[in-house]
Amino acid sequence: MSVHKELVLDGVRKYHQDTQRDGVFVPGVTEIWPSGAVLDEDDRVALVEAALEMRIAAGRSSRKFESSFARKMKRRKAHLTNSGSSANLLATTALTSHLLEDRRLRPGDEVITVAAGFPTTVNPILQNGLIPVFVDVELGTYNTTADRVAQAIGPKTRAIIIAHALGNPFEVTEIAQLAEQHDLFLIEDNCDAVGSTYDGRLTGTFGDLTTVSFYPAHHLTMGEGGCVLTANLALARIVESLRDWGRDCWCEPGENNKCLKRFNYQMGTLPDGYDHKYIFSHVGYNLKATDLQAALGLTQLAKLDDFVDARKRNWRRLRDGLEGVPHLLLPEATPRSDPSWFGFVLTVSPDAPFRRAELVDFLEDRKIGTRRLFAGNLTRHPAYIDQPHRVVGNLDNSDIITEHTFWVGVYPGLTDEMLDYIVSSVKEFVEARG
């Protein structure tokens, strides 16, 4: 490291230390965010160092993060993307690749998913001309069940795409078994659940493909960013092609002729010897991340276990503190799971002497941030009303979520004082309403 670089990075560390606030919590004044990134001086230094070296495209930090994250998540391959939404798009689109031959998904094929979730789990289904088949979820766990999925399987069903709700695993062992029995693809949207386990096994290791988000709200952050992981090398190659313009070549930008036959290919109707760097085997995108993002991701990854422990501890403090409060349905972990929680979800009983909106307004007035359980029932949104879809069973619980459910934060930036203030505020409101 050069002397000039050492001086700059030492200055960055001092700047970080000088700009840190006192951190004194003032109830009703200090904002309690429902989610957010926890960033330290190592994170700041990593970003500045990458900038000093002008690593403005995907490069060595990106490759290092991909290999490190794949090992951490117990998958063979990880491909960075510019967002978790792009990761879902790539994972779904990969299943339509001609390289999968008879197994490929084609327009009109059906994909089972849940109605109560975030749009970017469902949007890639529609964007690929596929038909979402919506099933309901359970209140308390906010996940669907293997029985509901089994009932939804029909002659046109080709895949299952489900998110682990707020970090709480769905019945992924059983649903993966259903997928295998019926020759269906399974994509796990693991964006909210990095570090969660089901049957002692990490979520994201059951499906053909899994996706992760690195938005600041999530377990790790790169600012923006996402990842597609898989143990299937053929699927990994398809994901990489689709992410990188659809090209057939696997050389990194700036690399040449790793296959040692760059000018010896003949594909499609191209002339013999056409430059492999410019042969395209998919109608792809450019959804890569940058080394600036990956540099931050690497320092965040080193803290993942501590982040997961903090989320579990914060969730437990809220759960214990609110035990027995009337008119509120408290969250429950799916049996046989150990969630790495994304949030603490509450459902106001439909017959409660107060409405969800009143409780949310009370909390927000006290600077306690709240969020809805994402879209609630997606089929009720204007974007989806006229889209082709099928519903199996009723969506009663998804409708209850739409009307009565919200969540508060458990992210590692929250202190015990903040969590206890959330508990006391909820109790005060409920007691006052009888």
Protein backbone atom coordinates (compact mmCIF):
# COMPACT_ATOMS: atom_id res chain seq x y z
CA MET A 1 0.00 0.00 0.00
CA SER A 2 1.39 3.40 -0.96
CA VAL A 3 2.07 6.06 1.65
CA HIS A 4 -0.54 8.34 0.06
CA LYS A 5 -3.18 5.61 0.18
CA GLU A 6 -2.37 4.82 3.81
CA LEU A 7 -2.77 8.48 4.70
CA VAL A 8 -6.13 8.71 2.94
CA LEU A 9 -7.52 5.55 4.56
CA ASP A 10 -6.24 6.58 7.97
CA GLY A 11 -8.04 9.88 7.44
CA VAL A 12 -11.23 8.00 6.51
CA ARG A 13 -11.09 6.08 9.79
CA LYS A 14 -10.64 9.31 11.74
CA TYR A 15 -13.46 10.94 9.78
CA HIS A 16 -15.75 8.02 10.63
CA GLN A 17 -14.90 8.26 14.31
CA ASP A 18 -15.36 12.04 14.36
CA THR A 19 -18.76 11.92 12.68
CA GLN A 20 -20.36 9.26 14.86
CA ARG A 21 -23.19 10.66 16.90
CA ASP A 22 -23.51 10.28 20.65
CA GLY A 23 -26.21 7.65 20.25
CA VAL A 24 -28.31 8.75 23.24
CA PHE A 25 -31.86 7.47 22.77
CA VAL A 26 -34.61 9.98 23.52
CA PRO A 27 -38.05 8.31 23.59
CA GLY A 28 -40.48 9.94 21.21
CA VAL A 29 -37.74 12.02 19.60
CA THR A 30 -35.17 9.55 18.29
CA GLU A 31 -36.33 7.76 15.13
CA ILE A 32 -36.68 3.99 15.54
CA TRP A 33 -36.39 2.69 12.01
CA PRO A 34 -38.04 -0.60 11.06
CA SER A 35 -34.98 -1.54 9.01
CA GLY A 36 -31.61 -0.19 8.04
CA ALA A 37 -27.95 -0.85 7.45
CA VAL A 38 -25.40 -1.12 10.25
CA LEU A 39 -22.16 0.34 8.88
CA ASP A 40 -18.83 0.76 10.65
CA GLU A 41 -15.45 2.28 9.80
CA ASP A 42 -14.31 -0.91 8.04
CA ASP A 43 -17.25 -0.54 5.65
CA ARG A 44 -16.41 3.10 4.97
CA VAL A 45 -12.74 2.31 4.39
CA ALA A 46 -13.58 -0.56 2.03
CA LEU A 47 -15.69 1.73 -0.15
CA VAL A 48 -13.07 4.47 -0.26
CA GLU A 49 -10.25 2.00 -0.99
CA ALA A 50 -12.17 0.58 -3.95
CA ALA A 51 -12.81 4.12 -5.18
CA LEU A 52 -9.14 5.05 -4.82
CA GLU A 53 -8.23 2.10 -6.99
CA MET A 54 -10.94 3.13 -9.48
CA ARG A 55 -12.55 -0.31 -9.38
CA ILE A 56 -15.71 1.04 -10.94
CA ALA A 57 -16.87 -2.14 -12.73
CA ALA A 58 -17.16 -5.73 -11.57
CA GLY A 59 -13.69 -7.06 -10.77
CA ARG A 60 -11.67 -8.82 -8.11
CA SER A 61 -13.86 -7.77 -5.17
CA SER A 62 -16.92 -9.04 -7.01
CA ARG A 63 -15.31 -12.39 -7.71
CA LYS A 64 -14.06 -12.70 -4.14
CA PHE A 65 -17.49 -11.89 -2.73
CA GLU A 66 -19.18 -14.40 -5.02
CA SER A 67 -16.88 -17.22 -3.95
CA SER A 68 -17.00 -16.28 -0.25
CA PHE A 69 -20.78 -15.90 -0.19
CA ALA A 70 -21.31 -19.17 -2.06
CA ARG A 71 -19.24 -20.97 0.57
CA LYS A 72 -21.11 -19.25 3.38
CA MET A 73 -24.47 -20.18 1.87
CA LYS A 74 -23.30 -23.73 0.99
CA ARG A 75 -23.90 -23.36 -2.74
CA ARG A 76 -21.46 -24.04 -5.59
CA LYS A 77 -22.00 -20.78 -7.45
CA ALA A 78 -23.09 -17.23 -6.66
CA HIS A 79 -23.61 -14.47 -9.20
CA LEU A 80 -23.82 -10.86 -8.06
CA THR A 81 -26.52 -8.65 -9.53
CA ASN A 82 -27.47 -5.00 -9.22
CA SER A 83 -30.50 -5.76 -6.99
CA GLY A 84 -32.51 -8.52 -5.36
CA SER A 85 -35.29 -7.78 -7.84
CA SER A 86 -32.86 -8.45 -10.69
CA ALA A 87 -31.82 -11.66 -8.95
CA ASN A 88 -35.43 -12.85 -9.03
CA LEU A 89 -35.74 -11.86 -12.69
CA LEU A 90 -32.56 -13.76 -13.58
CA ALA A 91 -33.52 -16.86 -11.60
CA THR A 92 -36.95 -17.07 -13.21
CA THR A 93 -35.74 -16.24 -16.70
CA ALA A 94 -33.01 -18.90 -16.40
CA LEU A 95 -35.74 -21.54 -16.22
CA THR A 96 -36.92 -20.48 -19.71
CA SER A 97 -33.52 -21.10 -21.32
CA HIS A 98 -33.39 -23.26 -24.45
CA LEU A 99 -30.43 -25.03 -22.88
CA LEU A 100 -32.87 -26.79 -20.53
CA GLU A 101 -34.50 -28.40 -23.57
CA ASP A 102 -37.79 -30.12 -22.66
CA ARG A 103 -37.67 -28.90 -19.06
CA ARG A 104 -37.63 -25.22 -20.02
CA LEU A 105 -40.56 -23.06 -18.98
CA ARG A 106 -42.60 -21.66 -21.84
CA PRO A 107 -45.24 -18.91 -22.05
CA GLY A 108 -48.49 -20.12 -20.51
CA ASP A 109 -46.83 -22.48 -18.04
CA GLU A 110 -47.98 -22.05 -14.45
CA VAL A 111 -45.86 -21.14 -11.44
CA ILE A 112 -47.14 -21.51 -7.88
CA THR A 113 -46.52 -18.58 -5.54
CA VAL A 114 -48.23 -16.76 -2.65
CA ALA A 115 -50.58 -13.81 -2.82
CA ALA A 116 -49.21 -12.10 0.32
CA GLY A 117 -45.73 -10.96 -0.52
CA PHE A 118 -43.51 -8.51 -2.33
CA PRO A 119 -44.13 -7.84 -6.03
CA THR A 120 -40.64 -8.73 -7.23
CA THR A 121 -41.20 -12.38 -6.34
CA VAL A 122 -44.17 -12.44 -8.70
CA ASN A 123 -43.28 -9.90 -11.41
CA PRO A 124 -40.69 -12.12 -13.19
CA ILE A 125 -43.37 -14.79 -13.62
CA LEU A 126 -45.52 -12.37 -15.58
CA GLN A 127 -42.56 -10.76 -17.33
CA ASN A 128 -41.66 -14.16 -18.79
CA GLY A 129 -45.20 -14.83 -20.03
CA LEU A 130 -45.87 -17.38 -17.28
CA ILE A 131 -49.04 -17.65 -15.20
CA PRO A 132 -48.85 -17.13 -11.42
CA VAL A 133 -51.00 -19.46 -9.36
CA PHE A 134 -51.71 -17.82 -6.02
CA VAL A 135 -52.21 -19.64 -2.74
CA ASP A 136 -52.96 -18.29 0.72
CA VAL A 137 -50.70 -18.18 3.78
CA GLU A 138 -51.09 -18.95 7.48
CA LEU A 139 -51.56 -16.17 10.01
CA GLY A 140 -48.81 -16.23 12.64
CA THR A 141 -46.09 -17.67 10.41
CA TYR A 142 -47.23 -15.69 7.31
CA ASN A 143 -46.07 -18.54 5.09
CA THR A 144 -48.00 -20.93 2.91
CA THR A 145 -48.04 -24.66 3.58
CA ALA A 146 -47.07 -27.75 1.64
CA ASP A 147 -50.73 -28.81 1.60
CA ARG A 148 -51.77 -25.59 -0.12
CA VAL A 149 -49.00 -25.95 -2.67
CA ALA A 150 -49.94 -29.59 -3.33
CA GLN A 151 -53.56 -28.58 -4.00
CA ALA A 152 -52.39 -25.97 -6.50
CA ILE A 153 -50.36 -28.36 -8.66
CA GLY A 154 -52.09 -28.87 -12.00
CA PRO A 155 -51.27 -30.17 -15.48
CA LYS A 156 -49.65 -26.86 -16.48
CA THR A 157 -47.61 -26.38 -13.29
CA ARG A 158 -43.87 -26.22 -13.98
CA ALA A 159 -42.34 -24.35 -11.05
CA ILE A 160 -42.75 -23.02 -7.51
CA ILE A 161 -41.39 -19.60 -6.47
CA ILE A 162 -41.91 -18.59 -2.83
CA ALA A 163 -40.24 -16.18 -0.40
CA HIS A 164 -39.45 -17.03 3.21
CA ALA A 165 -41.73 -14.47 4.87
CA LEU A 166 -39.87 -11.87 6.96
CA GLY A 167 -37.07 -14.36 7.54
CA ASN A 168 -39.43 -17.11 8.73
CA PRO A 169 -38.89 -20.26 6.63
CA PHE A 170 -41.80 -21.83 4.81
CA GLU A 171 -42.13 -25.65 4.88
CA VAL A 172 -39.27 -25.90 2.45
CA THR A 173 -38.33 -29.55 3.04
CA GLU A 174 -41.84 -30.68 2.21
CA ILE A 175 -42.27 -28.26 -0.69
CA ALA A 176 -38.91 -29.29 -2.16
CA GLN A 177 -40.09 -32.90 -1.98
CA LEU A 178 -43.29 -31.93 -3.81
CA ALA A 179 -41.20 -30.23 -6.48
CA GLU A 180 -39.08 -33.35 -6.94
CA GLN A 181 -42.09 -35.66 -7.07
CA HIS A 182 -43.78 -33.57 -9.75
CA ASP A 183 -40.62 -32.62 -11.68
CA LEU A 184 -41.04 -28.93 -10.86
CA PHE A 185 -38.37 -26.28 -10.47
CA LEU A 186 -38.15 -24.58 -7.06
CA ILE A 187 -36.83 -21.06 -6.56
CA GLU A 188 -36.36 -19.86 -2.97
CA ASP A 189 -36.64 -16.11 -2.57
CA ASN A 190 -34.26 -15.85 0.39
CA CYS A 191 -34.00 -12.06 0.33
CA ASP A 192 -35.41 -11.68 3.87
CA ALA A 193 -33.97 -14.88 5.35
CA VAL A 194 -30.18 -15.07 5.06
CA GLY A 195 -29.03 -17.24 7.97
CA SER A 196 -32.42 -18.87 8.62
CA THR A 197 -32.58 -22.66 8.91
CA TYR A 198 -35.26 -25.30 8.46
CA ASP A 199 -34.64 -28.84 9.71
CA GLY A 200 -31.18 -27.58 10.67
CA ARG A 201 -30.36 -26.67 7.07
CA LEU A 202 -29.86 -23.18 5.67
CA THR A 203 -32.74 -21.76 3.69
CA GLY A 204 -31.62 -21.19 0.14
CA THR A 205 -30.10 -24.68 -0.09
CA PHE A 206 -33.31 -26.57 -0.91
CA GLY A 207 -34.24 -25.12 -4.29
CA ASP A 208 -32.77 -25.24 -7.77
CA LEU A 209 -32.00 -21.53 -7.45
CA THR A 210 -32.09 -19.05 -4.60
CA THR A 211 -32.05 -15.25 -4.53
CA VAL A 212 -30.74 -12.69 -2.04
CA SER A 213 -31.01 -8.90 -1.76
CA PHE A 214 -28.36 -6.52 -0.44
CA TYR A 215 -30.61 -3.46 -0.18
CA PRO A 216 -29.93 -1.54 3.09
CA ALA A 217 -32.97 -3.09 4.76
CA HIS A 218 -31.58 -6.60 4.44
CA HIS A 219 -29.21 -8.75 6.46
CA LEU A 220 -26.17 -7.59 4.49
CA THR A 221 -25.97 -4.45 2.43
CA MET A 222 -24.12 -3.19 -0.59
CA GLY A 223 -26.42 -0.16 -0.88
CA GLU A 224 -28.03 -1.83 -3.85
CA GLY A 225 -27.27 -5.34 -5.03
CA GLY A 226 -28.42 -8.92 -5.07
CA CYS A 227 -27.28 -12.44 -5.80
CA VAL A 228 -28.41 -15.66 -7.47
CA LEU A 229 -27.04 -18.88 -5.97
CA THR A 230 -27.26 -22.49 -7.07
CA ALA A 231 -25.60 -25.89 -6.71
CA ASN A 232 -26.41 -26.65 -10.37
CA LEU A 233 -23.51 -25.61 -12.62
CA ALA A 234 -25.66 -25.70 -15.76
CA LEU A 235 -28.15 -23.28 -14.23
CA ALA A 236 -25.28 -21.11 -12.95
CA ARG A 237 -23.92 -20.81 -16.48
CA ILE A 238 -27.34 -19.76 -17.79
CA VAL A 239 -27.70 -17.14 -15.02
CA GLU A 240 -24.26 -15.75 -15.85
CA SER A 241 -25.07 -15.49 -19.55
CA LEU A 242 -28.39 -13.77 -18.91
CA ARG A 243 -26.81 -11.34 -16.46
CA ASP A 244 -23.96 -10.48 -18.84
CA TRP A 245 -25.84 -9.31 -21.96
CA GLY A 246 -26.77 -12.89 -22.97
CA ARG A 247 -23.29 -13.61 -24.25
CA ASP A 248 -21.98 -17.14 -24.61
CA CYS A 249 -18.43 -16.26 -23.51
CA TRP A 250 -17.52 -16.65 -19.84
CA CYS A 251 -14.40 -14.46 -19.77
CA GLU A 252 -14.52 -11.61 -17.28
CA PRO A 253 -14.39 -8.10 -18.77
CA GLY A 254 -10.77 -7.40 -19.61
CA GLU A 255 -9.96 -11.10 -19.98
CA ASN A 256 -9.42 -12.84 -23.30
CA ASN A 257 -9.40 -16.43 -24.52
CA LYS A 258 -9.74 -18.33 -21.24
CA CYS A 259 -11.14 -21.24 -23.25
CA LEU A 260 -8.10 -21.11 -25.59
CA LYS A 261 -10.37 -21.27 -28.64
CA ARG A 262 -11.79 -17.76 -28.87
CA PHE A 263 -11.68 -17.76 -32.68
CA ASN A 264 -12.59 -21.42 -33.21
CA TYR A 265 -16.34 -21.35 -32.56
CA GLN A 266 -19.20 -21.79 -34.98
CA MET A 267 -22.63 -21.11 -33.47
CA GLY A 268 -26.01 -20.24 -34.96
CA THR A 269 -25.55 -19.16 -38.55
CA LEU A 270 -22.47 -17.09 -37.79
CA PRO A 271 -19.34 -17.60 -39.89
CA ASP A 272 -16.82 -20.12 -38.63
CA GLY A 273 -14.32 -18.54 -36.21
CA TYR A 274 -16.54 -15.66 -35.13
CA ASP A 275 -15.14 -13.98 -32.00
CA HIS A 276 -16.64 -15.87 -29.03
CA LYS A 277 -16.64 -12.70 -26.92
CA TYR A 278 -19.40 -11.42 -29.20
CA ILE A 279 -21.53 -14.54 -29.61
CA PHE A 280 -24.88 -14.31 -27.81
CA SER A 281 -26.77 -17.43 -26.76
CA HIS A 282 -29.58 -15.77 -24.76
CA VAL A 283 -31.72 -12.66 -24.99
CA GLY A 284 -30.11 -11.25 -21.88
CA TYR A 285 -29.63 -8.16 -19.77
CA ASN A 286 -26.82 -6.21 -18.14
CA LEU A 287 -27.54 -6.68 -14.44
CA LYS A 288 -24.03 -6.78 -12.99
CA ALA A 289 -22.94 -5.15 -9.75
CA THR A 290 -19.74 -3.14 -9.28
CA ASP A 291 -16.59 -3.62 -7.22
CA LEU A 292 -17.59 -0.65 -5.05
CA GLN A 293 -20.65 -2.62 -3.99
CA ALA A 294 -18.74 -5.87 -3.61
CA ALA A 295 -16.03 -4.22 -1.48
CA LEU A 296 -18.72 -3.13 0.95
CA GLY A 297 -20.32 -6.57 0.75
CA LEU A 298 -17.08 -8.26 1.81
CA THR A 299 -16.76 -6.24 5.01
CA GLN A 300 -20.45 -6.77 5.73
CA LEU A 301 -20.12 -10.53 5.17
CA ALA A 302 -17.54 -10.72 7.95
CA LYS A 303 -20.23 -9.49 10.36
CA LEU A 304 -23.11 -11.67 9.14
CA ASP A 305 -23.16 -14.09 12.09
CA ASP A 306 -23.29 -11.19 14.56
CA PHE A 307 -26.07 -9.54 12.54
CA VAL A 308 -28.11 -12.75 12.55
CA ASP A 309 -27.66 -13.20 16.31
CA ALA A 310 -28.77 -9.60 16.93
CA ARG A 311 -31.90 -10.04 14.82
CA LYS A 312 -32.86 -13.18 16.73
CA ARG A 313 -32.19 -11.52 20.07
CA ASN A 314 -34.18 -8.40 19.20
CA TRP A 315 -37.13 -10.45 17.93
CA ARG A 316 -37.15 -12.49 21.14
CA ARG A 317 -37.13 -9.33 23.29
CA LEU A 318 -40.20 -8.01 21.48
CA ARG A 319 -41.93 -11.40 21.56
CA ASP A 320 -41.39 -11.84 25.30
CA GLY A 321 -42.36 -8.25 26.04
CA LEU A 322 -45.66 -8.44 24.13
CA GLU A 323 -46.71 -11.89 25.30
CA GLY A 324 -50.29 -11.84 26.51
CA VAL A 325 -51.23 -8.41 25.11
CA PRO A 326 -54.89 -8.73 24.07
CA HIS A 327 -56.22 -8.18 20.55
CA LEU A 328 -52.83 -8.82 18.92
CA LEU A 329 -51.73 -11.95 17.09
CA LEU A 330 -48.01 -12.36 17.76
CA PRO A 331 -45.69 -14.02 15.22
CA GLU A 332 -44.57 -17.63 15.49
CA ALA A 333 -41.61 -19.40 13.96
CA THR A 334 -42.56 -22.16 11.54
CA PRO A 335 -42.18 -25.50 13.35
CA ARG A 336 -38.69 -27.03 12.94
CA SER A 337 -37.22 -23.67 11.91
CA ASP A 338 -34.76 -21.19 13.39
CA PRO A 339 -35.48 -17.88 11.64
CA SER A 340 -33.02 -15.06 11.01
CA TRP A 341 -35.79 -12.52 11.39
CA PHE A 342 -36.31 -9.58 9.07
CA GLY A 343 -39.08 -7.95 11.13
CA PHE A 344 -41.57 -8.45 13.95
CA VAL A 345 -45.04 -8.79 12.51
CA LEU A 346 -48.29 -8.00 14.34
CA THR A 347 -51.89 -8.62 13.29
CA VAL A 348 -54.68 -6.71 15.01
CA SER A 349 -57.67 -8.98 15.62
CA PRO A 350 -60.56 -8.06 13.33
CA ASP A 351 -62.85 -7.77 16.40
CA ALA A 352 -60.41 -5.59 18.39
CA PRO A 353 -61.78 -2.32 19.86
CA PHE A 354 -59.28 -0.42 17.72
CA ARG A 355 -58.06 -0.54 14.14
CA ARG A 356 -54.61 -1.31 12.83
CA ALA A 357 -54.37 2.21 11.42
CA GLU A 358 -54.97 3.71 14.88
CA LEU A 359 -52.18 1.65 16.44
CA VAL A 360 -49.83 2.43 13.55
CA ASP A 361 -50.58 6.17 13.83
CA PHE A 362 -49.88 6.04 17.57
CA LEU A 363 -46.53 4.33 17.02
CA GLU A 364 -45.54 6.60 14.15
CA ASP A 365 -46.34 9.67 16.27
CA ARG A 366 -43.82 8.28 18.78
CA LYS A 367 -41.18 7.99 16.02
CA ILE A 368 -41.54 4.20 15.91
CA GLY A 369 -41.34 3.22 12.26
CA THR A 370 -43.76 0.64 10.88
CA ARG A 371 -44.19 -1.14 7.59
CA ARG A 372 -46.99 -3.14 6.00
CA LEU A 373 -46.48 -6.81 5.25
CA PHE A 374 -45.48 -5.61 1.80
CA ALA A 375 -48.30 -5.76 -0.74
CA GLY A 376 -50.80 -7.69 1.37
CA ASN A 377 -52.98 -9.49 -1.18
CA LEU A 378 -51.26 -8.79 -4.49
CA THR A 379 -54.32 -9.77 -6.52
CA ARG A 380 -56.09 -6.66 -5.20
CA HIS A 381 -53.52 -4.19 -6.54
CA PRO A 382 -54.20 -2.29 -9.77
CA ALA A 383 -51.06 -3.71 -11.38
CA TYR A 384 -52.33 -7.29 -11.13
CA ILE A 385 -56.10 -7.15 -11.40
CA ASP A 386 -56.08 -7.65 -15.18
CA GLN A 387 -53.00 -9.87 -15.33
CA PRO A 388 -53.49 -13.56 -16.13
CA HIS A 389 -53.45 -15.62 -12.96
CA ARG A 390 -55.19 -18.41 -11.12
CA VAL A 391 -56.20 -18.65 -7.44
CA VAL A 392 -56.43 -21.99 -5.64
CA GLY A 393 -58.59 -21.99 -2.52
CA ASN A 394 -59.45 -18.70 -0.89
CA LEU A 395 -57.18 -15.83 0.02
CA ASP A 396 -58.91 -14.99 3.30
CA ASN A 397 -55.72 -14.72 5.35
CA SER A 398 -54.06 -12.60 2.68
CA ASP A 399 -57.05 -10.26 2.93
CA ILE A 400 -56.72 -10.14 6.73
CA ILE A 401 -53.05 -9.22 6.28
CA THR A 402 -54.07 -6.47 3.85
CA GLU A 403 -56.42 -4.95 6.41
CA HIS A 404 -54.90 -5.74 9.81
CA THR A 405 -51.16 -6.51 9.65
CA PHE A 406 -47.96 -4.49 10.02
CA TRP A 407 -44.45 -4.98 11.34
CA VAL A 408 -41.77 -3.20 13.35
CA GLY A 409 -38.03 -3.58 13.22
CA VAL A 410 -35.56 -6.05 14.69
CA TYR A 411 -32.46 -5.02 12.72
CA PRO A 412 -29.10 -4.89 14.54
CA GLY A 413 -29.08 -1.11 14.83
CA LEU A 414 -31.85 -1.18 17.45
CA THR A 415 -30.94 -1.03 21.15
CA ASP A 416 -32.66 -2.65 24.12
CA GLU A 417 -33.98 0.79 25.09
CA MET A 418 -35.59 1.19 21.69
CA LEU A 419 -37.13 -2.28 21.75
CA ASP A 420 -38.49 -1.77 25.27
CA TYR A 421 -39.99 1.56 24.16
CA ILE A 422 -41.77 -0.22 21.31
CA VAL A 423 -43.17 -2.76 23.80
CA SER A 424 -44.29 -0.16 26.31
CA SER A 425 -45.87 1.97 23.58
CA VAL A 426 -47.91 -0.93 22.20
CA LYS A 427 -49.02 -1.89 25.71
CA GLU A 428 -49.98 1.68 26.56
CA PHE A 429 -52.08 2.01 23.43
CA VAL A 430 -53.90 -1.32 23.89
CA GLU A 431 -54.58 -0.71 27.60
CA ALA A 432 -56.02 2.73 26.84
CA ARG A 433 -58.39 1.25 24.24
CA GLY A 434 -59.61 -1.50 26.59
